[in-house]
Amino acid sequence: MSSSLSGISSLVQNSGTVAQSQVQEVAQMAMLKKSMDIQAQGVLPLINAVVQNSPAPVTSNPSNLGNAIDVRA
């Protein structure tokens, strides 16, 4: 009888451990997603600033330059 009680006791303890580890995994994933969202919000203004401050393309080349590519080696 005591062996069955200890078996039940160990099952209860193990299920509590499994449930706790699952809760920890869910919390870790939520924190990871939140940190990725925060990083994405911080990067967008930087990308927009780079695009706005990039120099205009050089147009002093002749109009026919770069129109044909020779792909033979």
PDB file of N, CA and C in Angstrom:
ATOM      1  N   MET A   1       0.826  -1.196   0.000  1.00  0.00           N
ATOM      2  CA  MET A   1       0.000   0.000   0.000  1.00  0.00           C
ATOM      3  C   MET A   1       0.865   1.253   0.000  1.00  0.00           C
ATOM      4  N   SER A   2       1.950   1.239   0.777  1.00  0.00           N
ATOM      5  CA  SER A   2       2.803   2.417   0.832  1.00  0.00           C
ATOM      6  C   SER A   2       3.529   2.623  -0.484  1.00  0.00           C
ATOM      7  N   SER A   3       3.817   1.540  -1.227  1.00  0.00           N
ATOM      8  CA  SER A   3       4.482   1.699  -2.530  1.00  0.00           C
ATOM      9  C   SER A   3       3.555   2.376  -3.527  1.00  0.00           C
ATOM     10  N   SER A   4       2.266   2.072  -3.467  1.00  0.00           N
ATOM     11  CA  SER A   4       1.336   2.730  -4.379  1.00  0.00           C
ATOM     12  C   SER A   4       1.159   4.194  -4.011  1.00  0.00           C
ATOM     13  N   LEU A   5       1.203   4.508  -2.705  1.00  0.00           N
ATOM     14  CA  LEU A   5       1.115   5.908  -2.284  1.00  0.00           C
ATOM     15  C   LEU A   5       2.357   6.685  -2.710  1.00  0.00           C
ATOM     16  N   SER A   6       3.520   6.063  -2.586  1.00  0.00           N
ATOM     17  CA  SER A   6       4.727   6.762  -3.016  1.00  0.00           C
ATOM     18  C   SER A   6       4.751   6.923  -4.533  1.00  0.00           C
ATOM     19  N   GLY A   7       4.198   5.941  -5.254  1.00  0.00           N
ATOM     20  CA  GLY A   7       4.100   6.060  -6.704  1.00  0.00           C
ATOM     21  C   GLY A   7       3.182   7.192  -7.111  1.00  0.00           C
ATOM     22  N   ILE A   8       2.056   7.302  -6.418  1.00  0.00           N
ATOM     23  CA  ILE A   8       1.121   8.396  -6.693  1.00  0.00           C
ATOM     24  C   ILE A   8       1.755   9.731  -6.329  1.00  0.00           C
ATOM     25  N   SER A   9       2.459   9.747  -5.220  1.00  0.00           N
ATOM     26  CA  SER A   9       3.118  10.971  -4.788  1.00  0.00           C
ATOM     27  C   SER A   9       4.155  11.426  -5.812  1.00  0.00           C
ATOM     28  N   SER A  10       4.938  10.475  -6.333  1.00  0.00           N
ATOM     29  CA  SER A  10       5.942  10.844  -7.327  1.00  0.00           C
ATOM     30  C   SER A  10       5.291  11.318  -8.621  1.00  0.00           C
ATOM     31  N   LEU A  11       4.158  10.708  -8.998  1.00  0.00           N
ATOM     32  CA  LEU A  11       3.442  11.166 -10.196  1.00  0.00           C
ATOM     33  C   LEU A  11       2.944  12.591 -10.029  1.00  0.00           C
ATOM     34  N   VAL A  12       2.422  12.894  -8.848  1.00  0.00           N
ATOM     35  CA  VAL A  12       1.934  14.249  -8.588  1.00  0.00           C
ATOM     36  C   VAL A  12       3.086  15.232  -8.636  1.00  0.00           C
ATOM     37  N   GLN A  13       4.224  14.885  -8.054  1.00  0.00           N
ATOM     38  CA  GLN A  13       5.380  15.776  -8.060  1.00  0.00           C
ATOM     39  C   GLN A  13       5.902  15.965  -9.479  1.00  0.00           C
ATOM     40  N   ASN A  14       5.961  14.883 -10.235  1.00  0.00           N
ATOM     41  CA  ASN A  14       6.438  14.980 -11.614  1.00  0.00           C
ATOM     42  C   ASN A  14       5.496  15.802 -12.472  1.00  0.00           C
ATOM     43  N   SER A  15       4.195  15.655 -12.287  1.00  0.00           N
ATOM     44  CA  SER A  15       3.251  16.441 -13.082  1.00  0.00           C
ATOM     45  C   SER A  15       3.371  17.910 -12.735  1.00  0.00           C
ATOM     46  N   GLY A  16       3.631  18.210 -11.460  1.00  0.00           N
ATOM     47  CA  GLY A  16       3.841  19.604 -11.071  1.00  0.00           C
ATOM     48  C   GLY A  16       5.090  20.168 -11.705  1.00  0.00           C
ATOM     49  N   THR A  17       6.143  19.363 -11.781  1.00  0.00           N
ATOM     50  CA  THR A  17       7.394  19.797 -12.401  1.00  0.00           C
ATOM     51  C   THR A  17       7.213  20.025 -13.891  1.00  0.00           C
ATOM     52  N   VAL A  18       6.487  19.120 -14.547  1.00  0.00           N
ATOM     53  CA  VAL A  18       6.228  19.262 -15.983  1.00  0.00           C
ATOM     54  C   VAL A  18       5.395  20.507 -16.240  1.00  0.00           C
ATOM     55  N   ALA A  19       4.360  20.700 -15.437  1.00  0.00           N
ATOM     56  CA  ALA A  19       3.508  21.879 -15.618  1.00  0.00           C
ATOM     57  C   ALA A  19       4.309  23.153 -15.384  1.00  0.00           C
ATOM     58  N   GLN A  20       5.179  23.150 -14.392  1.00  0.00           N
ATOM     59  CA  GLN A  20       5.988  24.335 -14.109  1.00  0.00           C
ATOM     60  C   GLN A  20       6.960  24.608 -15.254  1.00  0.00           C
ATOM     61  N   SER A  21       7.558  23.570 -15.806  1.00  0.00           N
ATOM     62  CA  SER A  21       8.490  23.784 -16.918  1.00  0.00           C
ATOM     63  C   SER A  21       7.745  24.276 -18.159  1.00  0.00           C
ATOM     64  N   GLN A  22       6.512  23.803 -18.364  1.00  0.00           N
ATOM     65  CA  GLN A  22       5.723  24.280 -19.499  1.00  0.00           C
ATOM     66  C   GLN A  22       5.375  25.758 -19.322  1.00  0.00           C
ATOM     67  N   VAL A  23       5.047  26.138 -18.100  1.00  0.00           N
ATOM     68  CA  VAL A  23       4.738  27.547 -17.827  1.00  0.00           C
ATOM     69  C   VAL A  23       5.988  28.394 -18.062  1.00  0.00           C
ATOM     70  N   GLN A  24       7.140  27.899 -17.644  1.00  0.00           N
ATOM     71  CA  GLN A  24       8.377  28.638 -17.862  1.00  0.00           C
ATOM     72  C   GLN A  24       8.679  28.777 -19.347  1.00  0.00           C
ATOM     73  N   GLU A  25       8.452  27.725 -20.126  1.00  0.00           N
ATOM     74  CA  GLU A  25       8.697  27.796 -21.561  1.00  0.00           C
ATOM     75  C   GLU A  25       7.767  28.803 -22.228  1.00  0.00           C
ATOM     76  N   VAL A  26       6.512  28.804 -21.821  1.00  0.00           N
ATOM     77  CA  VAL A  26       5.553  29.756 -22.395  1.00  0.00           C
ATOM     78  C   VAL A  26       5.964  31.187 -22.038  1.00  0.00           C
ATOM     79  N   ALA A  27       6.391  31.396 -20.809  1.00  0.00           N
ATOM     80  CA  ALA A  27       6.826  32.729 -20.384  1.00  0.00           C
ATOM     81  C   ALA A  27       8.077  33.159 -21.147  1.00  0.00           C
ATOM     82  N   GLN A  28       9.009  32.233 -21.360  1.00  0.00           N
ATOM     83  CA  GLN A  28      10.224  32.562 -22.106  1.00  0.00           C
ATOM     84  C   GLN A  28       9.904  32.922 -23.551  1.00  0.00           C
ATOM     85  N   MET A  29       8.981  32.191 -24.163  1.00  0.00           N
ATOM     86  CA  MET A  29       8.600  32.505 -25.538  1.00  0.00           C
ATOM     87  C   MET A  29       7.909  33.862 -25.628  1.00  0.00           C
ATOM     88  N   ALA A  30       7.085  34.163 -24.639  1.00  0.00           N
ATOM     89  CA  ALA A  30       6.409  35.459 -24.625  1.00  0.00           C
ATOM     90  C   ALA A  30       7.431  36.596 -24.491  1.00  0.00           C
ATOM     91  N   MET A  31       8.424  36.394 -23.644  1.00  0.00           N
ATOM     92  CA  MET A  31       9.463  37.412 -23.475  1.00  0.00           C
ATOM     93  C   MET A  31      10.292  37.558 -24.745  1.00  0.00           C
ATOM     94  N   LEU A  32      10.596  36.455 -25.421  1.00  0.00           N
ATOM     95  CA  LEU A  32      11.345  36.508 -26.667  1.00  0.00           C
ATOM     96  C   LEU A  32      10.576  37.283 -27.727  1.00  0.00           C
ATOM     97  N   LYS A  33       9.289  36.989 -27.865  1.00  0.00           N
ATOM     98  CA  LYS A  33       8.462  37.697 -28.844  1.00  0.00           C
ATOM     99  C   LYS A  33       8.380  39.182 -28.528  1.00  0.00           C
ATOM    100  N   LYS A  34       8.239  39.502 -27.253  1.00  0.00           N
ATOM    101  CA  LYS A  34       8.153  40.906 -26.850  1.00  0.00           C
ATOM    102  C   LYS A  34       9.461  41.634 -27.152  1.00  0.00           C
ATOM    103  N   SER A  35      10.597  40.993 -26.862  1.00  0.00           N
ATOM    104  CA  SER A  35      11.880  41.641 -27.138  1.00  0.00           C
ATOM    105  C   SER A  35      12.104  41.818 -28.629  1.00  0.00           C
ATOM    106  N   MET A  36      11.632  40.865 -29.432  1.00  0.00           N
ATOM    107  CA  MET A  36      11.755  41.013 -30.880  1.00  0.00           C
ATOM    108  C   MET A  36      10.882  42.155 -31.389  1.00  0.00           C
ATOM    109  N   ASP A  37       9.693  42.313 -30.820  1.00  0.00           N
ATOM    110  CA  ASP A  37       8.821  43.422 -31.200  1.00  0.00           C
ATOM    111  C   ASP A  37       9.465  44.763 -30.846  1.00  0.00           C
ATOM    112  N   ILE A  38      10.071  44.831 -29.672  1.00  0.00           N
ATOM    113  CA  ILE A  38      10.723  46.070 -29.245  1.00  0.00           C
ATOM    114  C   ILE A  38      11.887  46.394 -30.164  1.00  0.00           C
ATOM    115  N   GLN A  39      12.674  45.387 -30.537  1.00  0.00           N
ATOM    116  CA  GLN A  39      13.792  45.600 -31.452  1.00  0.00           C
ATOM    117  C   GLN A  39      13.300  46.065 -32.817  1.00  0.00           C
ATOM    118  N   ALA A  40      12.219  45.478 -33.289  1.00  0.00           N
ATOM    119  CA  ALA A  40      11.679  45.869 -34.588  1.00  0.00           C
ATOM    120  C   ALA A  40      11.214  47.321 -34.565  1.00  0.00           C
ATOM    121  N   GLN A  41      10.606  47.747 -33.476  1.00  0.00           N
ATOM    122  CA  GLN A  41      10.162  49.131 -33.357  1.00  0.00           C
ATOM    123  C   GLN A  41      11.346  50.084 -33.327  1.00  0.00           C
ATOM    124  N   GLY A  42      12.462  49.655 -32.766  1.00  0.00           N
ATOM    125  CA  GLY A  42      13.640  50.505 -32.709  1.00  0.00           C
ATOM    126  C   GLY A  42      14.395  50.565 -34.021  1.00  0.00           C
ATOM    127  N   VAL A  43      14.314  49.531 -34.833  1.00  0.00           N
ATOM    128  CA  VAL A  43      15.069  49.468 -36.081  1.00  0.00           C
ATOM    129  C   VAL A  43      14.385  50.260 -37.194  1.00  0.00           C
ATOM    130  N   LEU A  44      13.078  50.271 -37.222  1.00  0.00           N
ATOM    131  CA  LEU A  44      12.370  50.955 -38.311  1.00  0.00           C
ATOM    132  C   LEU A  44      12.740  52.428 -38.451  1.00  0.00           C
ATOM    133  N   PRO A  45      12.800  53.195 -37.381  1.00  0.00           N
ATOM    134  CA  PRO A  45      13.228  54.591 -37.550  1.00  0.00           C
ATOM    135  C   PRO A  45      14.656  54.709 -38.079  1.00  0.00           C
ATOM    136  N   LEU A  46      15.534  53.794 -37.688  1.00  0.00           N
ATOM    137  CA  LEU A  46      16.907  53.834 -38.194  1.00  0.00           C
ATOM    138  C   LEU A  46      16.948  53.564 -39.693  1.00  0.00           C
ATOM    139  N   ILE A  47      16.181  52.593 -40.139  1.00  0.00           N
ATOM    140  CA  ILE A  47      16.139  52.283 -41.574  1.00  0.00           C
ATOM    141  C   ILE A  47      15.569  53.464 -42.351  1.00  0.00           C
ATOM    142  N   ASN A  48      14.512  54.068 -41.839  1.00  0.00           N
ATOM    143  CA  ASN A  48      13.919  55.224 -42.510  1.00  0.00           C
ATOM    144  C   ASN A  48      14.894  56.389 -42.562  1.00  0.00           C
ATOM    145  N   ALA A  49      15.676  56.583 -41.509  1.00  0.00           N
ATOM    146  CA  ALA A  49      16.657  57.666 -41.486  1.00  0.00           C
ATOM    147  C   ALA A  49      17.747  57.434 -42.525  1.00  0.00           C
ATOM    148  N   VAL A  50      18.171  56.203 -42.688  1.00  0.00           N
ATOM    149  CA  VAL A  50      19.196  55.895 -43.682  1.00  0.00           C
ATOM    150  C   VAL A  50      18.664  56.151 -45.082  1.00  0.00           C
ATOM    151  N   VAL A  51      17.442  55.742 -45.336  1.00  0.00           N
ATOM    152  CA  VAL A  51      16.856  55.934 -46.666  1.00  0.00           C
ATOM    153  C   VAL A  51      16.702  57.425 -46.963  1.00  0.00           C
ATOM    154  N   GLN A  52      16.272  58.201 -45.989  1.00  0.00           N
ATOM    155  CA  GLN A  52      16.070  59.633 -46.198  1.00  0.00           C
ATOM    156  C   GLN A  52      17.388  60.381 -46.377  1.00  0.00           C
ATOM    157  N   ASN A  53      18.440  59.929 -45.718  1.00  0.00           N
ATOM    158  CA  ASN A  53      19.719  60.637 -45.756  1.00  0.00           C
ATOM    159  C   ASN A  53      20.704  60.066 -46.768  1.00  0.00           C
ATOM    160  N   SER A  54      20.271  59.099 -47.554  1.00  0.00           N
ATOM    161  CA  SER A  54      21.185  58.534 -48.548  1.00  0.00           C
ATOM    162  C   SER A  54      21.354  59.521 -49.694  1.00  0.00           C
ATOM    163  N   PRO A  55      22.561  59.589 -50.252  1.00  0.00           N
ATOM    164  CA  PRO A  55      22.794  60.550 -51.341  1.00  0.00           C
ATOM    165  C   PRO A  55      22.055  60.140 -52.611  1.00  0.00           C
ATOM    166  N   ALA A  56      21.794  61.119 -53.440  1.00  0.00           N
ATOM    167  CA  ALA A  56      21.113  60.865 -54.709  1.00  0.00           C
ATOM    168  C   ALA A  56      22.059  60.089 -55.623  1.00  0.00           C
ATOM    169  N   PRO A  57      21.529  59.244 -56.482  1.00  0.00           N
ATOM    170  CA  PRO A  57      22.400  58.492 -57.392  1.00  0.00           C
ATOM    171  C   PRO A  57      23.122  59.425 -58.358  1.00  0.00           C
ATOM    172  N   VAL A  58      24.326  59.029 -58.722  1.00  0.00           N
ATOM    173  CA  VAL A  58      25.130  59.834 -59.645  1.00  0.00           C
ATOM    174  C   VAL A  58      24.572  59.653 -61.050  1.00  0.00           C
ATOM    175  N   THR A  59      24.234  60.777 -61.692  1.00  0.00           N
ATOM    176  CA  THR A  59      23.644  60.716 -63.034  1.00  0.00           C
ATOM    177  C   THR A  59      24.557  61.352 -64.067  1.00  0.00           C
ATOM    178  N   SER A  60      25.839  61.512 -63.742  1.00  0.00           N
ATOM    179  CA  SER A  60      26.749  62.143 -64.692  1.00  0.00           C
ATOM    180  C   SER A  60      27.278  61.153 -65.736  1.00  0.00           C
ATOM    181  N   ASN A  61      26.940  59.883 -65.617  1.00  0.00           N
ATOM    182  CA  ASN A  61      27.365  58.898 -66.605  1.00  0.00           C
ATOM    183  C   ASN A  61      26.527  59.024 -67.872  1.00  0.00           C
ATOM    184  N   PRO A  62      27.069  58.588 -69.011  1.00  0.00           N
ATOM    185  CA  PRO A  62      26.290  58.613 -70.254  1.00  0.00           C
ATOM    186  C   PRO A  62      25.055  57.721 -70.138  1.00  0.00           C
ATOM    187  N   SER A  63      24.030  58.021 -70.881  1.00  0.00           N
ATOM    188  CA  SER A  63      22.760  57.297 -70.767  1.00  0.00           C
ATOM    189  C   SER A  63      22.864  55.851 -71.243  1.00  0.00           C
ATOM    190  N   ASN A  64      23.850  55.553 -72.126  1.00  0.00           N
ATOM    191  CA  ASN A  64      23.969  54.189 -72.608  1.00  0.00           C
ATOM    192  C   ASN A  64      24.834  53.315 -71.707  1.00  0.00           C
ATOM    193  N   LEU A  65      25.469  53.875 -70.724  1.00  0.00           N
ATOM    194  CA  LEU A  65      26.362  53.121 -69.839  1.00  0.00           C
ATOM    195  C   LEU A  65      25.541  52.257 -68.874  1.00  0.00           C
ATOM    196  N   GLY A  66      25.853  50.974 -68.878  1.00  0.00           N
ATOM    197  CA  GLY A  66      25.185  50.055 -67.973  1.00  0.00           C
ATOM    198  C   GLY A  66      23.910  49.455 -68.508  1.00  0.00           C
ATOM    199  N   ASN A  67      23.577  49.701 -69.770  1.00  0.00           N
ATOM    200  CA  ASN A  67      22.346  49.167 -70.328  1.00  0.00           C
ATOM    201  C   ASN A  67      22.503  47.758 -70.853  1.00  0.00           C
ATOM    202  N   ALA A  68      23.715  47.355 -71.206  1.00  0.00           N
ATOM    203  CA  ALA A  68      23.948  46.023 -71.755  1.00  0.00           C
ATOM    204  C   ALA A  68      25.008  45.329 -70.919  1.00  0.00           C
ATOM    205  N   ILE A  69      24.781  44.041 -70.661  1.00  0.00           N
ATOM    206  CA  ILE A  69      25.725  43.252 -69.889  1.00  0.00           C
ATOM    207  C   ILE A  69      26.172  42.081 -70.743  1.00  0.00           C
ATOM    208  N   ASP A  70      27.473  41.899 -70.912  1.00  0.00           N
ATOM    209  CA  ASP A  70      28.015  40.760 -71.653  1.00  0.00           C
ATOM    210  C   ASP A  70      28.211  39.621 -70.678  1.00  0.00           C
ATOM    211  N   VAL A  71      27.455  38.536 -70.884  1.00  0.00           N
ATOM    212  CA  VAL A  71      27.494  37.434 -69.931  1.00  0.00           C
ATOM    213  C   VAL A  71      28.412  36.293 -70.380  1.00  0.00           C
ATOM    214  N   ARG A  72      29.078  36.446 -71.510  1.00  0.00           N
ATOM    215  CA  ARG A  72      30.008  35.412 -71.961  1.00  0.00           C
ATOM    216  C   ARG A  72      31.303  35.522 -71.181  1.00  0.00           C
ATOM    217  N   ALA A  73      31.838  34.363 -70.839  1.00  0.00           N
ATOM    218  CA  ALA A  73      33.094  34.377 -70.102  1.00  0.00           C
ATOM    219  C   ALA A  73      34.222  33.953 -70.986  1.00  0.00           C
TER     220      ALA A  73
END
